[in-house]
Amino acid sequence: MTDQDIARNMRAVAHAIAQQELEGLTVPLATRNDLGRVARGEISVTEAIRNVYARFGNVPVFQP
């Protein structure tokens, strides 16, 4: 992954977080960190999703 790829991915993460904030939602810091790690290629999207499910284990969330 190139620096340009990472910069593009980080912009996409920033836009996604901003969209959630416009909707009145707050993205938890741990989720923001996971998204940054995905953008940098440190973890997979699947792993980030698993992390979110694990953090909200007490909340019923549809899991395909």
PDB file of N, CA and C in Angstrom:
ATOM      1  N   MET A   1       0.853  -1.174   0.000  1.00  0.00           N
ATOM      2  CA  MET A   1       0.000   0.000   0.000  1.00  0.00           C
ATOM      3  C   MET A   1       0.899   1.237   0.000  1.00  0.00           C
ATOM      4  N   THR A   2       0.598   2.161  -0.885  1.00  0.00           N
ATOM      5  CA  THR A   2       1.420   3.366  -1.000  1.00  0.00           C
ATOM      6  C   THR A   2       0.944   4.442  -0.029  1.00  0.00           C
ATOM      7  N   ASP A   3       1.782   5.445   0.149  1.00  0.00           N
ATOM      8  CA  ASP A   3       1.388   6.586   0.987  1.00  0.00           C
ATOM      9  C   ASP A   3       0.144   7.263   0.412  1.00  0.00           C
ATOM     10  N   GLN A   4       0.036   7.290  -0.903  1.00  0.00           N
ATOM     11  CA  GLN A   4      -1.134   7.888  -1.551  1.00  0.00           C
ATOM     12  C   GLN A   4      -2.390   7.078  -1.231  1.00  0.00           C
ATOM     13  N   ASP A   5      -2.273   5.759  -1.252  1.00  0.00           N
ATOM     14  CA  ASP A   5      -3.407   4.896  -0.895  1.00  0.00           C
ATOM     15  C   ASP A   5      -3.847   5.155   0.537  1.00  0.00           C
ATOM     16  N   ILE A   6      -2.883   5.227   1.433  1.00  0.00           N
ATOM     17  CA  ILE A   6      -3.193   5.460   2.849  1.00  0.00           C
ATOM     18  C   ILE A   6      -3.862   6.809   3.038  1.00  0.00           C
ATOM     19  N   ALA A   7      -3.352   7.847   2.369  1.00  0.00           N
ATOM     20  CA  ALA A   7      -3.951   9.182   2.477  1.00  0.00           C
ATOM     21  C   ALA A   7      -5.391   9.164   1.970  1.00  0.00           C
ATOM     22  N   ARG A   8      -5.632   8.483   0.848  1.00  0.00           N
ATOM     23  CA  ARG A   8      -6.992   8.373   0.301  1.00  0.00           C
ATOM     24  C   ARG A   8      -7.899   7.649   1.285  1.00  0.00           C
ATOM     25  N   ASN A   9      -7.405   6.544   1.849  1.00  0.00           N
ATOM     26  CA  ASN A   9      -8.197   5.773   2.810  1.00  0.00           C
ATOM     27  C   ASN A   9      -8.498   6.587   4.062  1.00  0.00           C
ATOM     28  N   MET A  10      -7.531   7.340   4.545  1.00  0.00           N
ATOM     29  CA  MET A  10      -7.740   8.159   5.746  1.00  0.00           C
ATOM     30  C   MET A  10      -8.775   9.257   5.485  1.00  0.00           C
ATOM     31  N   ARG A  11      -8.769   9.818   4.269  1.00  0.00           N
ATOM     32  CA  ARG A  11      -9.800  10.808   3.917  1.00  0.00           C
ATOM     33  C   ARG A  11     -11.178  10.151   3.917  1.00  0.00           C
ATOM     34  N   ALA A  12     -11.261   8.942   3.394  1.00  0.00           N
ATOM     35  CA  ALA A  12     -12.545   8.235   3.380  1.00  0.00           C
ATOM     36  C   ALA A  12     -13.039   7.980   4.802  1.00  0.00           C
ATOM     37  N   VAL A  13     -12.136   7.612   5.698  1.00  0.00           N
ATOM     38  CA  VAL A  13     -12.497   7.404   7.104  1.00  0.00           C
ATOM     39  C   VAL A  13     -12.984   8.715   7.719  1.00  0.00           C
ATOM     40  N   ALA A  14     -12.255   9.788   7.471  1.00  0.00           N
ATOM     41  CA  ALA A  14     -12.648  11.099   8.020  1.00  0.00           C
ATOM     42  C   ALA A  14     -14.034  11.499   7.512  1.00  0.00           C
ATOM     43  N   HIS A  15     -14.301  11.255   6.231  1.00  0.00           N
ATOM     44  CA  HIS A  15     -15.614  11.589   5.674  1.00  0.00           C
ATOM     45  C   HIS A  15     -16.710  10.729   6.281  1.00  0.00           C
ATOM     46  N   ALA A  16     -16.442   9.453   6.473  1.00  0.00           N
ATOM     47  CA  ALA A  16     -17.439   8.556   7.072  1.00  0.00           C
ATOM     48  C   ALA A  16     -17.769   8.982   8.503  1.00  0.00           C
ATOM     49  N   ILE A  17     -16.753   9.352   9.260  1.00  0.00           N
ATOM     50  CA  ILE A  17     -16.970   9.806  10.638  1.00  0.00           C
ATOM     51  C   ILE A  17     -17.742  11.119  10.647  1.00  0.00           C
ATOM     52  N   ALA A  18     -17.375  12.027   9.741  1.00  0.00           N
ATOM     53  CA  ALA A  18     -18.078  13.312   9.652  1.00  0.00           C
ATOM     54  C   ALA A  18     -19.548  13.100   9.304  1.00  0.00           C
ATOM     55  N   GLN A  19     -19.832  12.156   8.413  1.00  0.00           N
ATOM     56  CA  GLN A  19     -21.217  11.871   8.048  1.00  0.00           C
ATOM     57  C   GLN A  19     -22.009  11.383   9.256  1.00  0.00           C
ATOM     58  N   GLN A  20     -21.404  10.531  10.060  1.00  0.00           N
ATOM     59  CA  GLN A  20     -22.073  10.049  11.267  1.00  0.00           C
ATOM     60  C   GLN A  20     -22.364  11.206  12.220  1.00  0.00           C
ATOM     61  N   GLU A  21     -21.410  12.121  12.341  1.00  0.00           N
ATOM     62  CA  GLU A  21     -21.605  13.274  13.220  1.00  0.00           C
ATOM     63  C   GLU A  21     -22.717  14.178  12.704  1.00  0.00           C
ATOM     64  N   LEU A  22     -22.819  14.323  11.366  1.00  0.00           N
ATOM     65  CA  LEU A  22     -23.914  15.105  10.794  1.00  0.00           C
ATOM     66  C   LEU A  22     -25.264  14.474  11.101  1.00  0.00           C
ATOM     67  N   GLU A  23     -25.277  13.163  11.248  1.00  0.00           N
ATOM     68  CA  GLU A  23     -26.499  12.437  11.585  1.00  0.00           C
ATOM     69  C   GLU A  23     -26.788  12.488  13.086  1.00  0.00           C
ATOM     70  N   GLY A  24     -25.890  13.115  13.849  1.00  0.00           N
ATOM     71  CA  GLY A  24     -26.085  13.236  15.285  1.00  0.00           C
ATOM     72  C   GLY A  24     -25.522  12.079  16.086  1.00  0.00           C
ATOM     73  N   LEU A  25     -24.696  11.259  15.453  1.00  0.00           N
ATOM     74  CA  LEU A  25     -24.117  10.098  16.126  1.00  0.00           C
ATOM     75  C   LEU A  25     -22.659  10.373  16.486  1.00  0.00           C
ATOM     76  N   THR A  26     -22.161   9.617  17.448  1.00  0.00           N
ATOM     77  CA  THR A  26     -20.765   9.723  17.848  1.00  0.00           C
ATOM     78  C   THR A  26     -20.092   8.378  17.602  1.00  0.00           C
ATOM     79  N   VAL A  27     -18.986   8.408  16.879  1.00  0.00           N
ATOM     80  CA  VAL A  27     -18.223   7.184  16.629  1.00  0.00           C
ATOM     81  C   VAL A  27     -17.232   7.032  17.781  1.00  0.00           C
ATOM     82  N   PRO A  28     -17.308   5.925  18.524  1.00  0.00           N
ATOM     83  CA  PRO A  28     -16.407   5.732  19.665  1.00  0.00           C
ATOM     84  C   PRO A  28     -14.934   5.766  19.239  1.00  0.00           C
ATOM     85  N   LEU A  29     -14.086   6.221  20.147  1.00  0.00           N
ATOM     86  CA  LEU A  29     -12.659   6.331  19.867  1.00  0.00           C
ATOM     87  C   LEU A  29     -12.062   4.998  19.434  1.00  0.00           C
ATOM     88  N   ALA A  30     -12.443   3.916  20.081  1.00  0.00           N
ATOM     89  CA  ALA A  30     -11.890   2.606  19.723  1.00  0.00           C
ATOM     90  C   ALA A  30     -12.254   2.251  18.276  1.00  0.00           C
ATOM     91  N   THR A  31     -13.462   2.606  17.853  1.00  0.00           N
ATOM     92  CA  THR A  31     -13.877   2.341  16.474  1.00  0.00           C
ATOM     93  C   THR A  31     -13.115   3.234  15.514  1.00  0.00           C
ATOM     94  N   ARG A  32     -12.928   4.489  15.887  1.00  0.00           N
ATOM     95  CA  ARG A  32     -12.115   5.396  15.059  1.00  0.00           C
ATOM     96  C   ARG A  32     -10.712   4.832  14.881  1.00  0.00           C
ATOM     97  N   ASN A  33     -10.162   4.331  15.962  1.00  0.00           N
ATOM     98  CA  ASN A  33      -8.812   3.751  15.894  1.00  0.00           C
ATOM     99  C   ASN A  33      -8.781   2.535  14.979  1.00  0.00           C
ATOM    100  N   ASP A  34      -9.787   1.682  15.089  1.00  0.00           N
ATOM    101  CA  ASP A  34      -9.860   0.517  14.211  1.00  0.00           C
ATOM    102  C   ASP A  34      -9.964   0.943  12.750  1.00  0.00           C
ATOM    103  N   LEU A  35     -10.773   1.947  12.470  1.00  0.00           N
ATOM    104  CA  LEU A  35     -10.911   2.417  11.087  1.00  0.00           C
ATOM    105  C   LEU A  35      -9.592   2.958  10.553  1.00  0.00           C
ATOM    106  N   GLY A  36      -8.854   3.666  11.397  1.00  0.00           N
ATOM    107  CA  GLY A  36      -7.531   4.148  10.991  1.00  0.00           C
ATOM    108  C   GLY A  36      -6.583   2.999  10.701  1.00  0.00           C
ATOM    109  N   ARG A  37      -6.656   1.955  11.518  1.00  0.00           N
ATOM    110  CA  ARG A  37      -5.802   0.784  11.296  1.00  0.00           C
ATOM    111  C   ARG A  37      -6.158   0.087   9.987  1.00  0.00           C
ATOM    112  N   VAL A  38      -7.450   0.025   9.667  1.00  0.00           N
ATOM    113  CA  VAL A  38      -7.865  -0.548   8.385  1.00  0.00           C
ATOM    114  C   VAL A  38      -7.324   0.318   7.244  1.00  0.00           C
ATOM    115  N   ALA A  39      -7.473   1.616   7.374  1.00  0.00           N
ATOM    116  CA  ALA A  39      -7.020   2.531   6.323  1.00  0.00           C
ATOM    117  C   ALA A  39      -5.524   2.399   6.057  1.00  0.00           C
ATOM    118  N   ARG A  40      -4.762   2.089   7.090  1.00  0.00           N
ATOM    119  CA  ARG A  40      -3.310   1.930   6.938  1.00  0.00           C
ATOM    120  C   ARG A  40      -2.910   0.503   6.571  1.00  0.00           C
ATOM    121  N   GLY A  41      -3.894  -0.389   6.482  1.00  0.00           N
ATOM    122  CA  GLY A  41      -3.613  -1.768   6.098  1.00  0.00           C
ATOM    123  C   GLY A  41      -3.095  -2.629   7.232  1.00  0.00           C
ATOM    124  N   GLU A  42      -3.279  -2.175   8.476  1.00  0.00           N
ATOM    125  CA  GLU A  42      -2.781  -2.922   9.634  1.00  0.00           C
ATOM    126  C   GLU A  42      -3.699  -4.067  10.024  1.00  0.00           C
ATOM    127  N   ILE A  43      -5.003  -3.912   9.803  1.00  0.00           N
ATOM    128  CA  ILE A  43      -5.981  -4.965  10.069  1.00  0.00           C
ATOM    129  C   ILE A  43      -6.969  -4.994   8.910  1.00  0.00           C
ATOM    130  N   SER A  44      -7.706  -6.088   8.814  1.00  0.00           N
ATOM    131  CA  SER A  44      -8.704  -6.207   7.750  1.00  0.00           C
ATOM    132  C   SER A  44     -10.027  -5.573   8.185  1.00  0.00           C
ATOM    133  N   VAL A  45     -10.867  -5.313   7.208  1.00  0.00           N
ATOM    134  CA  VAL A  45     -12.212  -4.808   7.504  1.00  0.00           C
ATOM    135  C   VAL A  45     -12.957  -5.827   8.361  1.00  0.00           C
ATOM    136  N   THR A  46     -12.794  -7.104   8.042  1.00  0.00           N
ATOM    137  CA  THR A  46     -13.456  -8.166   8.810  1.00  0.00           C
ATOM    138  C   THR A  46     -13.045  -8.119  10.271  1.00  0.00           C
ATOM    139  N   GLU A  47     -11.758  -7.910  10.523  1.00  0.00           N
ATOM    140  CA  GLU A  47     -11.289  -7.828  11.904  1.00  0.00           C
ATOM    141  C   GLU A  47     -11.874  -6.608  12.611  1.00  0.00           C
ATOM    142  N   ALA A  48     -11.951  -5.492  11.921  1.00  0.00           N
ATOM    143  CA  ALA A  48     -12.532  -4.285  12.521  1.00  0.00           C
ATOM    144  C   ALA A  48     -13.999  -4.514  12.878  1.00  0.00           C
ATOM    145  N   ILE A  49     -14.720  -5.184  11.990  1.00  0.00           N
ATOM    146  CA  ILE A  49     -16.128  -5.479  12.272  1.00  0.00           C
ATOM    147  C   ILE A  49     -16.249  -6.399  13.483  1.00  0.00           C
ATOM    148  N   ARG A  50     -15.399  -7.415  13.552  1.00  0.00           N
ATOM    149  CA  ARG A  50     -15.406  -8.309  14.722  1.00  0.00           C
ATOM    150  C   ARG A  50     -15.150  -7.519  16.004  1.00  0.00           C
ATOM    151  N   ASN A  51     -14.223  -6.567  15.948  1.00  0.00           N
ATOM    152  CA  ASN A  51     -13.911  -5.749  17.117  1.00  0.00           C
ATOM    153  C   ASN A  51     -15.128  -4.940  17.561  1.00  0.00           C
ATOM    154  N   VAL A  52     -15.853  -4.380  16.604  1.00  0.00           N
ATOM    155  CA  VAL A  52     -17.054  -3.602  16.940  1.00  0.00           C
ATOM    156  C   VAL A  52     -18.085  -4.511  17.595  1.00  0.00           C
ATOM    157  N   TYR A  53     -18.330  -5.676  17.001  1.00  0.00           N
ATOM    158  CA  TYR A  53     -19.284  -6.617  17.593  1.00  0.00           C
ATOM    159  C   TYR A  53     -18.868  -6.990  19.013  1.00  0.00           C
ATOM    160  N   ALA A  54     -17.582  -7.200  19.223  1.00  0.00           N
ATOM    161  CA  ALA A  54     -17.091  -7.591  20.553  1.00  0.00           C
ATOM    162  C   ALA A  54     -17.292  -6.464  21.566  1.00  0.00           C
ATOM    163  N   ARG A  55     -17.087  -5.233  21.135  1.00  0.00           N
ATOM    164  CA  ARG A  55     -17.249  -4.103  22.063  1.00  0.00           C
ATOM    165  C   ARG A  55     -18.707  -3.878  22.452  1.00  0.00           C
ATOM    166  N   PHE A  56     -19.620  -4.249  21.574  1.00  0.00           N
ATOM    167  CA  PHE A  56     -21.036  -4.029  21.832  1.00  0.00           C
ATOM    168  C   PHE A  56     -21.767  -5.356  21.989  1.00  0.00           C
ATOM    169  N   GLY A  57     -21.123  -6.281  22.679  1.00  0.00           N
ATOM    170  CA  GLY A  57     -21.672  -7.614  22.863  1.00  0.00           C
ATOM    171  C   GLY A  57     -22.990  -7.643  23.613  1.00  0.00           C
ATOM    172  N   ASN A  58     -23.264  -6.628  24.411  1.00  0.00           N
ATOM    173  CA  ASN A  58     -24.504  -6.601  25.202  1.00  0.00           C
ATOM    174  C   ASN A  58     -25.656  -5.951  24.437  1.00  0.00           C
ATOM    175  N   VAL A  59     -25.396  -5.519  23.190  1.00  0.00           N
ATOM    176  CA  VAL A  59     -26.420  -4.869  22.389  1.00  0.00           C
ATOM    177  C   VAL A  59     -26.793  -5.808  21.239  1.00  0.00           C
ATOM    178  N   PRO A  60     -28.084  -6.052  21.018  1.00  0.00           N
ATOM    179  CA  PRO A  60     -28.454  -6.926  19.912  1.00  0.00           C
ATOM    180  C   PRO A  60     -28.107  -6.264  18.576  1.00  0.00           C
ATOM    181  N   VAL A  61     -27.217  -6.884  17.842  1.00  0.00           N
ATOM    182  CA  VAL A  61     -26.785  -6.368  16.537  1.00  0.00           C
ATOM    183  C   VAL A  61     -26.947  -7.500  15.534  1.00  0.00           C
ATOM    184  N   PHE A  62     -27.554  -7.189  14.397  1.00  0.00           N
ATOM    185  CA  PHE A  62     -27.707  -8.199  13.353  1.00  0.00           C
ATOM    186  C   PHE A  62     -26.333  -8.590  12.844  1.00  0.00           C
ATOM    187  N   GLN A  63     -26.041  -9.868  12.891  1.00  0.00           N
ATOM    188  CA  GLN A  63     -24.781 -10.398  12.376  1.00  0.00           C
ATOM    189  C   GLN A  63     -25.119 -11.445  11.341  1.00  0.00           C
ATOM    190  N   PRO A  64     -24.820 -11.141  10.060  1.00  0.00           N
ATOM    191  CA  PRO A  64     -25.162 -12.089   8.989  1.00  0.00           C
ATOM    192  C   PRO A  64     -24.471 -13.428   9.147  1.00  0.00           C
TER     193      PRO A  64
END
